[in-house]
Amino acid sequence: MAMFDYMSFANSMRIDSAVVASFEGEAKEEFPNDDMLRELHIMRALKTYFNKFGALSGK
């Protein structure tokens, strides 16, 4: 069960799916047995990414 809806956030901020997949892979390695921490890590990474780079133009 998802605690943090990071996919909706990523979609609404128009963050490329490859970026999301990269953060998912990193989080899975760091938190293999803790879904909540993994999702929280992804959400925070996406927010930081958006604050730094913004949405992708033309997507």
PDB file of N, CA and C in Angstrom:
ATOM      1  N   MET A   1       0.840  -1.187   0.000  1.00  0.00           N
ATOM      2  CA  MET A   1       0.000   0.000   0.000  1.00  0.00           C
ATOM      3  C   MET A   1       0.878   1.241   0.000  1.00  0.00           C
ATOM      4  N   ALA A   2       0.608   2.141  -0.897  1.00  0.00           N
ATOM      5  CA  ALA A   2       1.410   3.351  -1.023  1.00  0.00           C
ATOM      6  C   ALA A   2       1.069   4.351   0.078  1.00  0.00           C
ATOM      7  N   MET A   3       2.093   4.853   0.712  1.00  0.00           N
ATOM      8  CA  MET A   3       1.919   5.884   1.740  1.00  0.00           C
ATOM      9  C   MET A   3       2.018   7.280   1.128  1.00  0.00           C
ATOM     10  N   PHE A   4       2.893   7.407   0.133  1.00  0.00           N
ATOM     11  CA  PHE A   4       3.133   8.684  -0.521  1.00  0.00           C
ATOM     12  C   PHE A   4       2.849   8.501  -2.011  1.00  0.00           C
ATOM     13  N   ASP A   5       1.987   9.338  -2.544  1.00  0.00           N
ATOM     14  CA  ASP A   5       1.607   9.219  -3.949  1.00  0.00           C
ATOM     15  C   ASP A   5       2.602   9.998  -4.818  1.00  0.00           C
ATOM     16  N   TYR A   6       3.819   9.486  -4.874  1.00  0.00           N
ATOM     17  CA  TYR A   6       4.866  10.209  -5.596  1.00  0.00           C
ATOM     18  C   TYR A   6       4.653  10.192  -7.109  1.00  0.00           C
ATOM     19  N   MET A   7       3.953   9.183  -7.622  1.00  0.00           N
ATOM     20  CA  MET A   7       3.707   9.143  -9.074  1.00  0.00           C
ATOM     21  C   MET A   7       2.768  10.268  -9.504  1.00  0.00           C
ATOM     22  N   SER A   8       1.744  10.543  -8.726  1.00  0.00           N
ATOM     23  CA  SER A   8       0.846  11.658  -9.048  1.00  0.00           C
ATOM     24  C   SER A   8       1.598  12.979  -8.983  1.00  0.00           C
ATOM     25  N   PHE A   9       2.453  13.107  -7.976  1.00  0.00           N
ATOM     26  CA  PHE A   9       3.265  14.314  -7.860  1.00  0.00           C
ATOM     27  C   PHE A   9       4.165  14.466  -9.086  1.00  0.00           C
ATOM     28  N   ALA A  10       4.858  13.405  -9.446  1.00  0.00           N
ATOM     29  CA  ALA A  10       5.765  13.453 -10.593  1.00  0.00           C
ATOM     30  C   ALA A  10       4.995  13.792 -11.867  1.00  0.00           C
ATOM     31  N   ASN A  11       3.840  13.188 -12.047  1.00  0.00           N
ATOM     32  CA  ASN A  11       3.031  13.476 -13.238  1.00  0.00           C
ATOM     33  C   ASN A  11       2.545  14.918 -13.255  1.00  0.00           C
ATOM     34  N   SER A  12       2.077  15.406 -12.113  1.00  0.00           N
ATOM     35  CA  SER A  12       1.573  16.780 -12.073  1.00  0.00           C
ATOM     36  C   SER A  12       2.691  17.802 -12.276  1.00  0.00           C
ATOM     37  N   MET A  13       3.901  17.454 -11.887  1.00  0.00           N
ATOM     38  CA  MET A  13       5.046  18.346 -12.069  1.00  0.00           C
ATOM     39  C   MET A  13       5.772  18.089 -13.389  1.00  0.00           C
ATOM     40  N   ARG A  14       5.234  17.140 -14.159  1.00  0.00           N
ATOM     41  CA  ARG A  14       5.773  16.805 -15.482  1.00  0.00           C
ATOM     42  C   ARG A  14       7.241  16.396 -15.417  1.00  0.00           C
ATOM     43  N   ILE A  15       7.556  15.588 -14.430  1.00  0.00           N
ATOM     44  CA  ILE A  15       8.911  15.049 -14.286  1.00  0.00           C
ATOM     45  C   ILE A  15       8.986  13.781 -15.120  1.00  0.00           C
ATOM     46  N   ASP A  16       9.998  13.680 -15.944  1.00  0.00           N
ATOM     47  CA  ASP A  16      10.163  12.561 -16.865  1.00  0.00           C
ATOM     48  C   ASP A  16      10.175  11.228 -16.128  1.00  0.00           C
ATOM     49  N   SER A  17       9.554  10.230 -16.731  1.00  0.00           N
ATOM     50  CA  SER A  17       9.460   8.904 -16.101  1.00  0.00           C
ATOM     51  C   SER A  17      10.831   8.263 -15.887  1.00  0.00           C
ATOM     52  N   ALA A  18      11.810   8.604 -16.715  1.00  0.00           N
ATOM     53  CA  ALA A  18      13.160   8.069 -16.529  1.00  0.00           C
ATOM     54  C   ALA A  18      13.779   8.597 -15.236  1.00  0.00           C
ATOM     55  N   VAL A  19      13.473   9.827 -14.886  1.00  0.00           N
ATOM     56  CA  VAL A  19      13.968  10.401 -13.629  1.00  0.00           C
ATOM     57  C   VAL A  19      13.330   9.668 -12.455  1.00  0.00           C
ATOM     58  N   VAL A  20      12.019   9.448 -12.544  1.00  0.00           N
ATOM     59  CA  VAL A  20      11.313   8.730 -11.485  1.00  0.00           C
ATOM     60  C   VAL A  20      11.894   7.324 -11.327  1.00  0.00           C
ATOM     61  N   ALA A  21      12.111   6.637 -12.432  1.00  0.00           N
ATOM     62  CA  ALA A  21      12.660   5.281 -12.394  1.00  0.00           C
ATOM     63  C   ALA A  21      14.052   5.266 -11.762  1.00  0.00           C
ATOM     64  N   SER A  22      14.838   6.274 -12.044  1.00  0.00           N
ATOM     65  CA  SER A  22      16.172   6.362 -11.452  1.00  0.00           C
ATOM     66  C   SER A  22      16.093   6.491  -9.933  1.00  0.00           C
ATOM     67  N   PHE A  23      15.212   7.367  -9.467  1.00  0.00           N
ATOM     68  CA  PHE A  23      15.040   7.537  -8.019  1.00  0.00           C
ATOM     69  C   PHE A  23      14.472   6.272  -7.387  1.00  0.00           C
ATOM     70  N   GLU A  24      13.572   5.585  -8.076  1.00  0.00           N
ATOM     71  CA  GLU A  24      13.021   4.333  -7.554  1.00  0.00           C
ATOM     72  C   GLU A  24      14.118   3.285  -7.381  1.00  0.00           C
ATOM     73  N   GLY A  25      14.996   3.181  -8.366  1.00  0.00           N
ATOM     74  CA  GLY A  25      16.091   2.210  -8.284  1.00  0.00           C
ATOM     75  C   GLY A  25      17.033   2.495  -7.128  1.00  0.00           C
ATOM     76  N   GLU A  26      17.382   3.775  -6.974  1.00  0.00           N
ATOM     77  CA  GLU A  26      18.259   4.153  -5.868  1.00  0.00           C
ATOM     78  C   GLU A  26      17.615   3.856  -4.517  1.00  0.00           C
ATOM     79  N   ALA A  27      16.334   4.190  -4.403  1.00  0.00           N
ATOM     80  CA  ALA A  27      15.634   3.990  -3.138  1.00  0.00           C
ATOM     81  C   ALA A  27      15.462   2.502  -2.823  1.00  0.00           C
ATOM     82  N   LYS A  28      15.245   1.704  -3.850  1.00  0.00           N
ATOM     83  CA  LYS A  28      15.085   0.262  -3.640  1.00  0.00           C
ATOM     84  C   LYS A  28      16.377  -0.350  -3.102  1.00  0.00           C
ATOM     85  N   GLU A  29      17.515   0.140  -3.600  1.00  0.00           N
ATOM     86  CA  GLU A  29      18.800  -0.345  -3.098  1.00  0.00           C
ATOM     87  C   GLU A  29      19.035   0.098  -1.653  1.00  0.00           C
ATOM     88  N   GLU A  30      18.658   1.337  -1.354  1.00  0.00           N
ATOM     89  CA  GLU A  30      18.915   1.883  -0.026  1.00  0.00           C
ATOM     90  C   GLU A  30      17.939   1.359   1.034  1.00  0.00           C
ATOM     91  N   PHE A  31      16.688   1.145   0.636  1.00  0.00           N
ATOM     92  CA  PHE A  31      15.649   0.703   1.570  1.00  0.00           C
ATOM     93  C   PHE A  31      14.902  -0.510   1.005  1.00  0.00           C
ATOM     94  N   PRO A  32      15.569  -1.651   0.875  1.00  0.00           N
ATOM     95  CA  PRO A  32      14.939  -2.805   0.222  1.00  0.00           C
ATOM     96  C   PRO A  32      13.757  -3.402   0.988  1.00  0.00           C
ATOM     97  N   ASN A  33      13.718  -3.194   2.284  1.00  0.00           N
ATOM     98  CA  ASN A  33      12.681  -3.828   3.099  1.00  0.00           C
ATOM     99  C   ASN A  33      11.730  -2.845   3.769  1.00  0.00           C
ATOM    100  N   ASP A  34      11.773  -1.592   3.360  1.00  0.00           N
ATOM    101  CA  ASP A  34      10.937  -0.582   4.020  1.00  0.00           C
ATOM    102  C   ASP A  34      10.243   0.280   2.974  1.00  0.00           C
ATOM    103  N   ASP A  35       9.010  -0.093   2.654  1.00  0.00           N
ATOM    104  CA  ASP A  35       8.258   0.619   1.612  1.00  0.00           C
ATOM    105  C   ASP A  35       8.041   2.087   1.946  1.00  0.00           C
ATOM    106  N   MET A  36       7.720   2.377   3.194  1.00  0.00           N
ATOM    107  CA  MET A  36       7.438   3.758   3.571  1.00  0.00           C
ATOM    108  C   MET A  36       8.673   4.647   3.406  1.00  0.00           C
ATOM    109  N   LEU A  37       9.811   4.192   3.899  1.00  0.00           N
ATOM    110  CA  LEU A  37      11.032   4.991   3.740  1.00  0.00           C
ATOM    111  C   LEU A  37      11.431   5.124   2.278  1.00  0.00           C
ATOM    112  N   ARG A  38      11.232   4.065   1.507  1.00  0.00           N
ATOM    113  CA  ARG A  38      11.543   4.110   0.081  1.00  0.00           C
ATOM    114  C   ARG A  38      10.684   5.177  -0.614  1.00  0.00           C
ATOM    115  N   GLU A  39       9.393   5.166  -0.346  1.00  0.00           N
ATOM    116  CA  GLU A  39       8.491   6.138  -0.966  1.00  0.00           C
ATOM    117  C   GLU A  39       8.802   7.561  -0.500  1.00  0.00           C
ATOM    118  N   LEU A  40       9.092   7.710   0.785  1.00  0.00           N
ATOM    119  CA  LEU A  40       9.444   9.035   1.305  1.00  0.00           C
ATOM    120  C   LEU A  40      10.712   9.557   0.632  1.00  0.00           C
ATOM    121  N   HIS A  41      11.700   8.693   0.487  1.00  0.00           N
ATOM    122  CA  HIS A  41      12.945   9.077  -0.171  1.00  0.00           C
ATOM    123  C   HIS A  41      12.674   9.527  -1.615  1.00  0.00           C
ATOM    124  N   ILE A  42      11.849   8.786  -2.321  1.00  0.00           N
ATOM    125  CA  ILE A  42      11.519   9.127  -3.711  1.00  0.00           C
ATOM    126  C   ILE A  42      10.800  10.473  -3.757  1.00  0.00           C
ATOM    127  N   MET A  43       9.822  10.676  -2.882  1.00  0.00           N
ATOM    128  CA  MET A  43       9.082  11.936  -2.862  1.00  0.00           C
ATOM    129  C   MET A  43      10.011  13.115  -2.609  1.00  0.00           C
ATOM    130  N   ARG A  44      10.896  12.969  -1.650  1.00  0.00           N
ATOM    131  CA  ARG A  44      11.827  14.053  -1.346  1.00  0.00           C
ATOM    132  C   ARG A  44      12.786  14.311  -2.514  1.00  0.00           C
ATOM    133  N   ALA A  45      13.247  13.250  -3.139  1.00  0.00           N
ATOM    134  CA  ALA A  45      14.144  13.409  -4.287  1.00  0.00           C
ATOM    135  C   ALA A  45      13.431  14.113  -5.431  1.00  0.00           C
ATOM    136  N   LEU A  46      12.178  13.760  -5.672  1.00  0.00           N
ATOM    137  CA  LEU A  46      11.404  14.400  -6.740  1.00  0.00           C
ATOM    138  C   LEU A  46      11.178  15.880  -6.453  1.00  0.00           C
ATOM    139  N   LYS A  47      10.881  16.215  -5.211  1.00  0.00           N
ATOM    140  CA  LYS A  47      10.685  17.619  -4.850  1.00  0.00           C
ATOM    141  C   LYS A  47      11.972  18.407  -5.040  1.00  0.00           C
ATOM    142  N   THR A  48      13.080  17.826  -4.617  1.00  0.00           N
ATOM    143  CA  THR A  48      14.371  18.496  -4.801  1.00  0.00           C
ATOM    144  C   THR A  48      14.683  18.661  -6.276  1.00  0.00           C
ATOM    145  N   TYR A  49      14.452  17.606  -7.054  1.00  0.00           N
ATOM    146  CA  TYR A  49      14.681  17.661  -8.497  1.00  0.00           C
ATOM    147  C   TYR A  49      13.836  18.761  -9.128  1.00  0.00           C
ATOM    148  N   PHE A  50      12.554  18.819  -8.777  1.00  0.00           N
ATOM    149  CA  PHE A  50      11.675  19.831  -9.362  1.00  0.00           C
ATOM    150  C   PHE A  50      12.118  21.229  -8.967  1.00  0.00           C
ATOM    151  N   ASN A  51      12.497  21.423  -7.716  1.00  0.00           N
ATOM    152  CA  ASN A  51      12.942  22.746  -7.270  1.00  0.00           C
ATOM    153  C   ASN A  51      14.212  23.183  -7.984  1.00  0.00           C
ATOM    154  N   LYS A  52      15.033  22.224  -8.351  1.00  0.00           N
ATOM    155  CA  LYS A  52      16.298  22.559  -9.016  1.00  0.00           C
ATOM    156  C   LYS A  52      16.142  22.705 -10.529  1.00  0.00           C
ATOM    157  N   PHE A  53      15.396  21.787 -11.146  1.00  0.00           N
ATOM    158  CA  PHE A  53      15.331  21.742 -12.606  1.00  0.00           C
ATOM    159  C   PHE A  53      13.973  22.117 -13.188  1.00  0.00           C
ATOM    160  N   GLY A  54      12.920  22.051 -12.413  1.00  0.00           N
ATOM    161  CA  GLY A  54      11.585  22.333 -12.918  1.00  0.00           C
ATOM    162  C   GLY A  54      11.102  21.222 -13.824  1.00  0.00           C
ATOM    163  N   ALA A  55       9.989  21.485 -14.468  1.00  0.00           N
ATOM    164  CA  ALA A  55       9.393  20.510 -15.372  1.00  0.00           C
ATOM    165  C   ALA A  55      10.156  20.472 -16.686  1.00  0.00           C
ATOM    166  N   LEU A  56      10.021  19.379 -17.396  1.00  0.00           N
ATOM    167  CA  LEU A  56      10.627  19.267 -18.712  1.00  0.00           C
ATOM    168  C   LEU A  56       9.766  20.012 -19.716  1.00  0.00           C
ATOM    169  N   SER A  57      10.358  20.844 -20.515  1.00  0.00           N
ATOM    170  CA  SER A  57       9.580  21.579 -21.516  1.00  0.00           C
ATOM    171  C   SER A  57       9.163  20.637 -22.639  1.00  0.00           C
ATOM    172  N   GLY A  58       7.985  20.886 -23.161  1.00  0.00           N
ATOM    173  CA  GLY A  58       7.500  20.121 -24.305  1.00  0.00           C
ATOM    174  C   GLY A  58       6.940  18.761 -23.973  1.00  0.00           C
ATOM    175  N   LYS A  59       6.801  18.412 -22.716  1.00  0.00           N
ATOM    176  CA  LYS A  59       6.264  17.093 -22.346  1.00  0.00           C
ATOM    177  C   LYS A  59       4.849  17.244 -21.841  1.00  0.00           C
TER     178      LYS A  59
END
